[in-house]
């Protein structure tokens, strides 16, 4: 799998059925976000359960409503959403 854009990541997350609510129009509209505001990079993070987990980081290029600019992390093999420790 060659993921270069946020749309590529969205496709695989929806295909595997893990965290599909994250990319719904209603959810994104609630936060005032658009797909073109997201970027993707591959990195490793520590979670509560494991260390050095390979993930795709979905980061916001510009802050949205209420100055939100946090990143979301998706496991690079299962595409399930994981949270930083």
PDB file of N, CA and C in Angstrom:
ATOM      1  N   UNK A   1       0.835  -1.174   0.000  1.00  0.00           N
ATOM      2  CA  UNK A   1       0.000   0.000   0.000  1.00  0.00           C
ATOM      3  C   UNK A   1       0.878   1.234   0.000  1.00  0.00           C
ATOM      4  N   UNK A   2       0.608   2.091  -0.915  1.00  0.00           N
ATOM      5  CA  UNK A   2       1.387   3.306  -1.052  1.00  0.00           C
ATOM      6  C   UNK A   2       0.492   4.502  -0.727  1.00  0.00           C
ATOM      7  N   UNK A   3       0.584   4.984   0.485  1.00  0.00           N
ATOM      8  CA  UNK A   3      -0.280   6.071   0.924  1.00  0.00           C
ATOM      9  C   UNK A   3       0.512   7.375   0.892  1.00  0.00           C
ATOM     10  N   UNK A   4       0.058   8.285   0.040  1.00  0.00           N
ATOM     11  CA  UNK A   4       0.736   9.567  -0.100  1.00  0.00           C
ATOM     12  C   UNK A   4      -0.150  10.742   0.286  1.00  0.00           C
ATOM     13  N   UNK A   5      -1.465  10.565   0.198  1.00  0.00           N
ATOM     14  CA  UNK A   5      -2.376  11.673   0.479  1.00  0.00           C
ATOM     15  C   UNK A   5      -3.399  11.272   1.533  1.00  0.00           C
ATOM     16  N   UNK A   6      -4.089  12.266   2.060  1.00  0.00           N
ATOM     17  CA  UNK A   6      -5.133  11.994   3.044  1.00  0.00           C
ATOM     18  C   UNK A   6      -6.283  11.208   2.419  1.00  0.00           C
ATOM     19  N   UNK A   7      -6.526  11.396   1.155  1.00  0.00           N
ATOM     20  CA  UNK A   7      -7.587  10.644   0.473  1.00  0.00           C
ATOM     21  C   UNK A   7      -7.238   9.169   0.351  1.00  0.00           C
ATOM     22  N   UNK A   8      -5.963   8.860   0.144  1.00  0.00           N
ATOM     23  CA  UNK A   8      -5.519   7.457   0.122  1.00  0.00           C
ATOM     24  C   UNK A   8      -5.775   6.805   1.476  1.00  0.00           C
ATOM     25  N   UNK A   9      -5.428   7.507   2.543  1.00  0.00           N
ATOM     26  CA  UNK A   9      -5.642   6.990   3.891  1.00  0.00           C
ATOM     27  C   UNK A   9      -7.133   6.809   4.165  1.00  0.00           C
ATOM     28  N   UNK A  10      -7.931   7.764   3.762  1.00  0.00           N
ATOM     29  CA  UNK A  10      -9.391   7.685   3.937  1.00  0.00           C
ATOM     30  C   UNK A  10      -9.939   6.448   3.244  1.00  0.00           C
ATOM     31  N   UNK A  11      -9.472   6.165   2.046  1.00  0.00           N
ATOM     32  CA  UNK A  11      -9.929   5.010   1.280  1.00  0.00           C
ATOM     33  C   UNK A  11      -9.673   3.712   2.048  1.00  0.00           C
ATOM     34  N   UNK A  12      -8.457   3.525   2.552  1.00  0.00           N
ATOM     35  CA  UNK A  12      -8.126   2.283   3.248  1.00  0.00           C
ATOM     36  C   UNK A  12      -8.830   2.164   4.594  1.00  0.00           C
ATOM     37  N   UNK A  13      -8.982   3.268   5.300  1.00  0.00           N
ATOM     38  CA  UNK A  13      -9.695   3.233   6.585  1.00  0.00           C
ATOM     39  C   UNK A  13     -11.138   2.816   6.360  1.00  0.00           C
ATOM     40  N   UNK A  14     -11.771   3.374   5.337  1.00  0.00           N
ATOM     41  CA  UNK A  14     -13.170   3.021   5.053  1.00  0.00           C
ATOM     42  C   UNK A  14     -13.292   1.594   4.530  1.00  0.00           C
ATOM     43  N   UNK A  15     -12.351   1.132   3.725  1.00  0.00           N
ATOM     44  CA  UNK A  15     -12.394  -0.224   3.185  1.00  0.00           C
ATOM     45  C   UNK A  15     -12.309  -1.271   4.287  1.00  0.00           C
ATOM     46  N   UNK A  16     -11.491  -1.026   5.283  1.00  0.00           N
ATOM     47  CA  UNK A  16     -11.308  -1.994   6.361  1.00  0.00           C
ATOM     48  C   UNK A  16     -12.288  -1.785   7.505  1.00  0.00           C
ATOM     49  N   UNK A  17     -13.095  -0.734   7.436  1.00  0.00           N
ATOM     50  CA  UNK A  17     -14.150  -0.517   8.415  1.00  0.00           C
ATOM     51  C   UNK A  17     -13.668  -0.084   9.792  1.00  0.00           C
ATOM     52  N   UNK A  18     -12.462   0.433   9.879  1.00  0.00           N
ATOM     53  CA  UNK A  18     -11.967   0.889  11.171  1.00  0.00           C
ATOM     54  C   UNK A  18     -12.047   2.415  11.236  1.00  0.00           C
ATOM     55  N   UNK A  19     -12.764   2.922  12.217  1.00  0.00           N
ATOM     56  CA  UNK A  19     -12.950   4.368  12.424  1.00  0.00           C
ATOM     57  C   UNK A  19     -13.521   5.081  11.196  1.00  0.00           C
ATOM     58  N   UNK A  20     -14.552   4.549  10.567  1.00  0.00           N
ATOM     59  CA  UNK A  20     -15.075   5.213   9.368  1.00  0.00           C
ATOM     60  C   UNK A  20     -15.770   6.533   9.692  1.00  0.00           C
ATOM     61  N   UNK A  21     -16.218   6.714  10.949  1.00  0.00           N
ATOM     62  CA  UNK A  21     -16.891   7.944  11.333  1.00  0.00           C
ATOM     63  C   UNK A  21     -15.962   9.150  11.240  1.00  0.00           C
ATOM     64  N   UNK A  22     -14.672   8.928  11.325  1.00  0.00           N
ATOM     65  CA  UNK A  22     -13.701  10.019  11.346  1.00  0.00           C
ATOM     66  C   UNK A  22     -13.783  10.860  10.072  1.00  0.00           C
ATOM     67  N   UNK A  23     -14.064  10.229   8.945  1.00  0.00           N
ATOM     68  CA  UNK A  23     -14.059  10.925   7.668  1.00  0.00           C
ATOM     69  C   UNK A  23     -15.449  11.251   7.129  1.00  0.00           C
ATOM     70  N   UNK A  24     -16.493  11.108   7.923  1.00  0.00           N
ATOM     71  CA  UNK A  24     -17.829  11.416   7.411  1.00  0.00           C
ATOM     72  C   UNK A  24     -17.981  12.923   7.215  1.00  0.00           C
ATOM     73  N   UNK A  25     -18.840  13.276   6.314  1.00  0.00           N
ATOM     74  CA  UNK A  25     -19.076  14.677   6.019  1.00  0.00           C
ATOM     75  C   UNK A  25     -19.595  15.420   7.249  1.00  0.00           C
ATOM     76  N   UNK A  26     -20.480  14.759   7.988  1.00  0.00           N
ATOM     77  CA  UNK A  26     -21.077  15.385   9.168  1.00  0.00           C
ATOM     78  C   UNK A  26     -20.018  15.668  10.240  1.00  0.00           C
ATOM     79  N   UNK A  27     -19.127  14.721  10.470  1.00  0.00           N
ATOM     80  CA  UNK A  27     -18.068  14.905  11.460  1.00  0.00           C
ATOM     81  C   UNK A  27     -17.122  16.020  11.044  1.00  0.00           C
ATOM     82  N   UNK A  28     -16.706  16.010   9.793  1.00  0.00           N
ATOM     83  CA  UNK A  28     -15.770  17.026   9.326  1.00  0.00           C
ATOM     84  C   UNK A  28     -16.418  18.407   9.332  1.00  0.00           C
ATOM     85  N   UNK A  29     -17.689  18.475   8.990  1.00  0.00           N
ATOM     86  CA  UNK A  29     -18.400  19.749   8.996  1.00  0.00           C
ATOM     87  C   UNK A  29     -18.512  20.292  10.427  1.00  0.00           C
ATOM     88  N   UNK A  30     -18.732  19.412  11.387  1.00  0.00           N
ATOM     89  CA  UNK A  30     -18.833  19.812  12.780  1.00  0.00           C
ATOM     90  C   UNK A  30     -17.555  20.516  13.243  1.00  0.00           C
ATOM     91  N   UNK A  31     -16.398  19.993  12.830  1.00  0.00           N
ATOM     92  CA  UNK A  31     -15.123  20.578  13.225  1.00  0.00           C
ATOM     93  C   UNK A  31     -14.649  21.672  12.271  1.00  0.00           C
ATOM     94  N   UNK A  32     -15.379  21.900  11.177  1.00  0.00           N
ATOM     95  CA  UNK A  32     -14.994  22.929  10.218  1.00  0.00           C
ATOM     96  C   UNK A  32     -13.783  22.538   9.409  1.00  0.00           C
ATOM     97  N   UNK A  33     -13.705  21.263   9.046  1.00  0.00           N
ATOM     98  CA  UNK A  33     -12.523  20.736   8.370  1.00  0.00           C
ATOM     99  C   UNK A  33     -12.832  20.306   6.942  1.00  0.00           C
ATOM    100  N   UNK A  34     -11.785  20.204   6.130  1.00  0.00           N
ATOM    101  CA  UNK A  34     -11.865  19.742   4.744  1.00  0.00           C
ATOM    102  C   UNK A  34     -10.716  18.773   4.485  1.00  0.00           C
ATOM    103  N   UNK A  35     -10.868  17.905   3.517  1.00  0.00           N
ATOM    104  CA  UNK A  35      -9.818  16.934   3.207  1.00  0.00           C
ATOM    105  C   UNK A  35      -8.535  17.632   2.756  1.00  0.00           C
ATOM    106  N   UNK A  36      -8.652  18.763   2.061  1.00  0.00           N
ATOM    107  CA  UNK A  36      -7.439  19.427   1.576  1.00  0.00           C
ATOM    108  C   UNK A  36      -6.647  20.089   2.715  1.00  0.00           C
ATOM    109  N   UNK A  37      -7.222  20.137   3.920  1.00  0.00           N
ATOM    110  CA  UNK A  37      -6.518  20.693   5.072  1.00  0.00           C
ATOM    111  C   UNK A  37      -5.645  19.636   5.763  1.00  0.00           C
ATOM    112  N   UNK A  38      -5.731  18.392   5.340  1.00  0.00           N
ATOM    113  CA  UNK A  38      -4.975  17.305   5.962  1.00  0.00           C
ATOM    114  C   UNK A  38      -3.735  16.941   5.152  1.00  0.00           C
ATOM    115  N   UNK A  39      -2.699  16.535   5.869  1.00  0.00           N
ATOM    116  CA  UNK A  39      -1.510  15.966   5.273  1.00  0.00           C
ATOM    117  C   UNK A  39      -1.235  14.639   5.959  1.00  0.00           C
ATOM    118  N   UNK A  40      -0.431  13.784   5.316  1.00  0.00           N
ATOM    119  CA  UNK A  40      -0.135  12.461   5.870  1.00  0.00           C
ATOM    120  C   UNK A  40       1.373  12.247   5.887  1.00  0.00           C
ATOM    121  N   UNK A  41       1.843  11.672   6.990  1.00  0.00           N
ATOM    122  CA  UNK A  41       3.247  11.248   7.055  1.00  0.00           C
ATOM    123  C   UNK A  41       3.333   9.974   7.884  1.00  0.00           C
ATOM    124  N   UNK A  42       4.342   9.175   7.605  1.00  0.00           N
ATOM    125  CA  UNK A  42       4.536   7.924   8.335  1.00  0.00           C
ATOM    126  C   UNK A  42       5.513   8.183   9.477  1.00  0.00           C
ATOM    127  N   UNK A  43       5.175   7.672  10.662  1.00  0.00           N
ATOM    128  CA  UNK A  43       6.001   7.888  11.841  1.00  0.00           C
ATOM    129  C   UNK A  43       5.784   6.747  12.830  1.00  0.00           C
ATOM    130  N   UNK A  44       6.451   6.805  13.968  1.00  0.00           N
ATOM    131  CA  UNK A  44       6.226   5.830  15.041  1.00  0.00           C
ATOM    132  C   UNK A  44       5.863   6.589  16.313  1.00  0.00           C
ATOM    133  N   UNK A  45       4.983   5.984  17.109  1.00  0.00           N
ATOM    134  CA  UNK A  45       4.569   6.593  18.377  1.00  0.00           C
ATOM    135  C   UNK A  45       4.520   5.528  19.461  1.00  0.00           C
ATOM    136  N   UNK A  46       4.473   5.985  20.697  1.00  0.00           N
ATOM    137  CA  UNK A  46       4.258   5.100  21.840  1.00  0.00           C
ATOM    138  C   UNK A  46       2.800   5.207  22.253  1.00  0.00           C
ATOM    139  N   UNK A  47       2.137   4.068  22.414  1.00  0.00           N
ATOM    140  CA  UNK A  47       0.755   4.047  22.872  1.00  0.00           C
ATOM    141  C   UNK A  47       0.734   3.520  24.304  1.00  0.00           C
ATOM    142  N   UNK A  48      -0.441   3.416  24.873  1.00  0.00           N
ATOM    143  CA  UNK A  48      -0.561   2.866  26.221  1.00  0.00           C
ATOM    144  C   UNK A  48      -0.209   1.385  26.272  1.00  0.00           C
ATOM    145  N   UNK A  49      -0.306   0.697  25.139  1.00  0.00           N
ATOM    146  CA  UNK A  49      -0.120  -0.747  25.107  1.00  0.00           C
ATOM    147  C   UNK A  49       1.193  -1.186  24.482  1.00  0.00           C
ATOM    148  N   UNK A  50       1.731  -0.395  23.557  1.00  0.00           N
ATOM    149  CA  UNK A  50       2.938  -0.779  22.836  1.00  0.00           C
ATOM    150  C   UNK A  50       3.866   0.414  22.677  1.00  0.00           C
ATOM    151  N   UNK A  51       5.120   0.108  22.374  1.00  0.00           N
ATOM    152  CA  UNK A  51       6.077   1.163  22.069  1.00  0.00           C
ATOM    153  C   UNK A  51       6.488   1.045  20.612  1.00  0.00           C
ATOM    154  N   UNK A  52       6.815   2.158  20.025  1.00  0.00           N
ATOM    155  CA  UNK A  52       7.287   2.241  18.643  1.00  0.00           C
ATOM    156  C   UNK A  52       6.323   1.581  17.657  1.00  0.00           C
ATOM    157  N   UNK A  53       5.088   2.009  17.667  1.00  0.00           N
ATOM    158  CA  UNK A  53       4.080   1.507  16.737  1.00  0.00           C
ATOM    159  C   UNK A  53       4.173   2.312  15.450  1.00  0.00           C
ATOM    160  N   UNK A  54       4.277   1.626  14.308  1.00  0.00           N
ATOM    161  CA  UNK A  54       4.323   2.304  13.015  1.00  0.00           C
ATOM    162  C   UNK A  54       2.920   2.793  12.664  1.00  0.00           C
ATOM    163  N   UNK A  55       2.796   4.092  12.429  1.00  0.00           N
ATOM    164  CA  UNK A  55       1.489   4.695  12.166  1.00  0.00           C
ATOM    165  C   UNK A  55       1.579   5.700  11.027  1.00  0.00           C
ATOM    166  N   UNK A  56       0.391   6.023  10.489  1.00  0.00           N
ATOM    167  CA  UNK A  56       0.251   7.157   9.592  1.00  0.00           C
ATOM    168  C   UNK A  56      -0.314   8.295  10.420  1.00  0.00           C
ATOM    169  N   UNK A  57       0.357   9.420  10.406  1.00  0.00           N
ATOM    170  CA  UNK A  57      -0.116  10.596  11.136  1.00  0.00           C
ATOM    171  C   UNK A  57      -0.904  11.468  10.170  1.00  0.00           C
ATOM    172  N   UNK A  58      -2.137  11.712  10.506  1.00  0.00           N
ATOM    173  CA  UNK A  58      -2.996  12.598   9.737  1.00  0.00           C
ATOM    174  C   UNK A  58      -2.978  13.936  10.453  1.00  0.00           C
ATOM    175  N   UNK A  59      -2.248  14.891   9.905  1.00  0.00           N
ATOM    176  CA  UNK A  59      -2.089  16.174  10.591  1.00  0.00           C
ATOM    177  C   UNK A  59      -2.844  17.280   9.854  1.00  0.00           C
ATOM    178  N   UNK A  60      -3.222  18.293  10.618  1.00  0.00           N
ATOM    179  CA  UNK A  60      -3.914  19.451  10.033  1.00  0.00           C
ATOM    180  C   UNK A  60      -2.874  20.488   9.645  1.00  0.00           C
ATOM    181  N   UNK A  61      -3.017  21.022   8.450  1.00  0.00           N
ATOM    182  CA  UNK A  61      -2.086  22.050   7.986  1.00  0.00           C
ATOM    183  C   UNK A  61      -2.374  23.394   8.635  1.00  0.00           C
ATOM    184  N   UNK A  62      -3.662  23.679   8.831  1.00  0.00           N
ATOM    185  CA  UNK A  62      -4.089  24.908   9.487  1.00  0.00           C
ATOM    186  C   UNK A  62      -5.095  24.566  10.573  1.00  0.00           C
ATOM    187  N   UNK A  63      -5.119  25.331  11.659  1.00  0.00           N
ATOM    188  CA  UNK A  63      -6.101  25.076  12.722  1.00  0.00           C
ATOM    189  C   UNK A  63      -7.527  25.277  12.209  1.00  0.00           C
ATOM    190  N   UNK A  64      -8.480  24.589  12.835  1.00  0.00           N
ATOM    191  CA  UNK A  64      -9.891  24.705  12.469  1.00  0.00           C
ATOM    192  C   UNK A  64     -10.655  25.310  13.643  1.00  0.00           C
ATOM    193  N   UNK A  65     -11.952  25.077  13.726  1.00  0.00           N
ATOM    194  CA  UNK A  65     -12.781  25.650  14.787  1.00  0.00           C
ATOM    195  C   UNK A  65     -12.152  25.440  16.162  1.00  0.00           C
ATOM    196  N   UNK A  66     -12.256  26.454  16.969  1.00  0.00           N
ATOM    197  CA  UNK A  66     -11.758  26.423  18.350  1.00  0.00           C
ATOM    198  C   UNK A  66     -10.266  26.125  18.409  1.00  0.00           C
ATOM    199  N   UNK A  67      -9.553  26.497  17.363  1.00  0.00           N
ATOM    200  CA  UNK A  67      -8.097  26.359  17.280  1.00  0.00           C
ATOM    201  C   UNK A  67      -7.614  24.909  17.383  1.00  0.00           C
ATOM    202  N   UNK A  68      -8.419  23.954  16.932  1.00  0.00           N
ATOM    203  CA  UNK A  68      -8.007  22.545  16.937  1.00  0.00           C
ATOM    204  C   UNK A  68      -6.936  22.318  15.874  1.00  0.00           C
ATOM    205  N   UNK A  69      -5.852  21.689  16.276  1.00  0.00           N
ATOM    206  CA  UNK A  69      -4.811  21.347  15.305  1.00  0.00           C
ATOM    207  C   UNK A  69      -4.109  20.043  15.655  1.00  0.00           C
ATOM    208  N   UNK A  70      -4.796  19.191  16.438  1.00  0.00           N
ATOM    209  CA  UNK A  70      -4.232  17.907  16.827  1.00  0.00           C
ATOM    210  C   UNK A  70      -4.171  16.945  15.652  1.00  0.00           C
ATOM    211  N   UNK A  71      -3.243  16.023  15.735  1.00  0.00           N
ATOM    212  CA  UNK A  71      -3.100  14.984  14.721  1.00  0.00           C
ATOM    213  C   UNK A  71      -3.895  13.753  15.123  1.00  0.00           C
ATOM    214  N   UNK A  72      -4.253  12.942  14.128  1.00  0.00           N
ATOM    215  CA  UNK A  72      -4.874  11.641  14.364  1.00  0.00           C
ATOM    216  C   UNK A  72      -3.898  10.588  13.852  1.00  0.00           C
ATOM    217  N   UNK A  73      -3.859   9.445  14.541  1.00  0.00           N
ATOM    218  CA  UNK A  73      -2.896   8.399  14.190  1.00  0.00           C
ATOM    219  C   UNK A  73      -3.634   7.115  13.830  1.00  0.00           C
ATOM    220  N   UNK A  74      -3.208   6.486  12.735  1.00  0.00           N
ATOM    221  CA  UNK A  74      -3.800   5.241  12.265  1.00  0.00           C
ATOM    222  C   UNK A  74      -2.696   4.209  12.108  1.00  0.00           C
ATOM    223  N   UNK A  75      -2.913   3.019  12.666  1.00  0.00           N
ATOM    224  CA  UNK A  75      -1.950   1.930  12.573  1.00  0.00           C
ATOM    225  C   UNK A  75      -1.664   1.641  11.105  1.00  0.00           C
ATOM    226  N   UNK A  76      -0.390   1.492  10.757  1.00  0.00           N
ATOM    227  CA  UNK A  76      -0.028   1.334   9.351  1.00  0.00           C
ATOM    228  C   UNK A  76      -0.386  -0.025   8.768  1.00  0.00           C
ATOM    229  N   UNK A  77      -0.675  -1.019   9.600  1.00  0.00           N
ATOM    230  CA  UNK A  77      -1.034  -2.330   9.061  1.00  0.00           C
ATOM    231  C   UNK A  77      -2.528  -2.617   9.163  1.00  0.00           C
ATOM    232  N   UNK A  78      -3.183  -2.176  10.231  1.00  0.00           N
ATOM    233  CA  UNK A  78      -4.616  -2.465  10.402  1.00  0.00           C
ATOM    234  C   UNK A  78      -5.513  -1.284  10.093  1.00  0.00           C
ATOM    235  N   UNK A  79      -4.947  -0.083  10.017  1.00  0.00           N
ATOM    236  CA  UNK A  79      -5.664   1.166   9.772  1.00  0.00           C
ATOM    237  C   UNK A  79      -6.680   1.491  10.862  1.00  0.00           C
ATOM    238  N   UNK A  80      -6.489   0.933  12.046  1.00  0.00           N
ATOM    239  CA  UNK A  80      -7.323   1.304  13.182  1.00  0.00           C
ATOM    240  C   UNK A  80      -6.716   2.542  13.825  1.00  0.00           C
ATOM    241  N   UNK A  81      -7.579   3.362  14.379  1.00  0.00           N
ATOM    242  CA  UNK A  81      -7.096   4.589  15.024  1.00  0.00           C
ATOM    243  C   UNK A  81      -6.420   4.220  16.341  1.00  0.00           C
ATOM    244  N   UNK A  82      -5.256   4.801  16.578  1.00  0.00           N
ATOM    245  CA  UNK A  82      -4.532   4.609  17.834  1.00  0.00           C
ATOM    246  C   UNK A  82      -4.294   5.982  18.452  1.00  0.00           C
ATOM    247  N   UNK A  83      -4.077   5.990  19.760  1.00  0.00           N
ATOM    248  CA  UNK A  83      -3.890   7.240  20.470  1.00  0.00           C
ATOM    249  C   UNK A  83      -2.511   7.269  21.111  1.00  0.00           C
ATOM    250  N   UNK A  84      -1.910   8.433  21.107  1.00  0.00           N
ATOM    251  CA  UNK A  84      -0.607   8.629  21.717  1.00  0.00           C
ATOM    252  C   UNK A  84      -0.686   8.478  23.227  1.00  0.00           C
ATOM    253  N   UNK A  85       0.390   8.032  23.824  1.00  0.00           N
ATOM    254  CA  UNK A  85       0.460   7.876  25.278  1.00  0.00           C
ATOM    255  C   UNK A  85       0.439   9.229  25.942  1.00  0.00           C
TER     256      UNK A  85
END
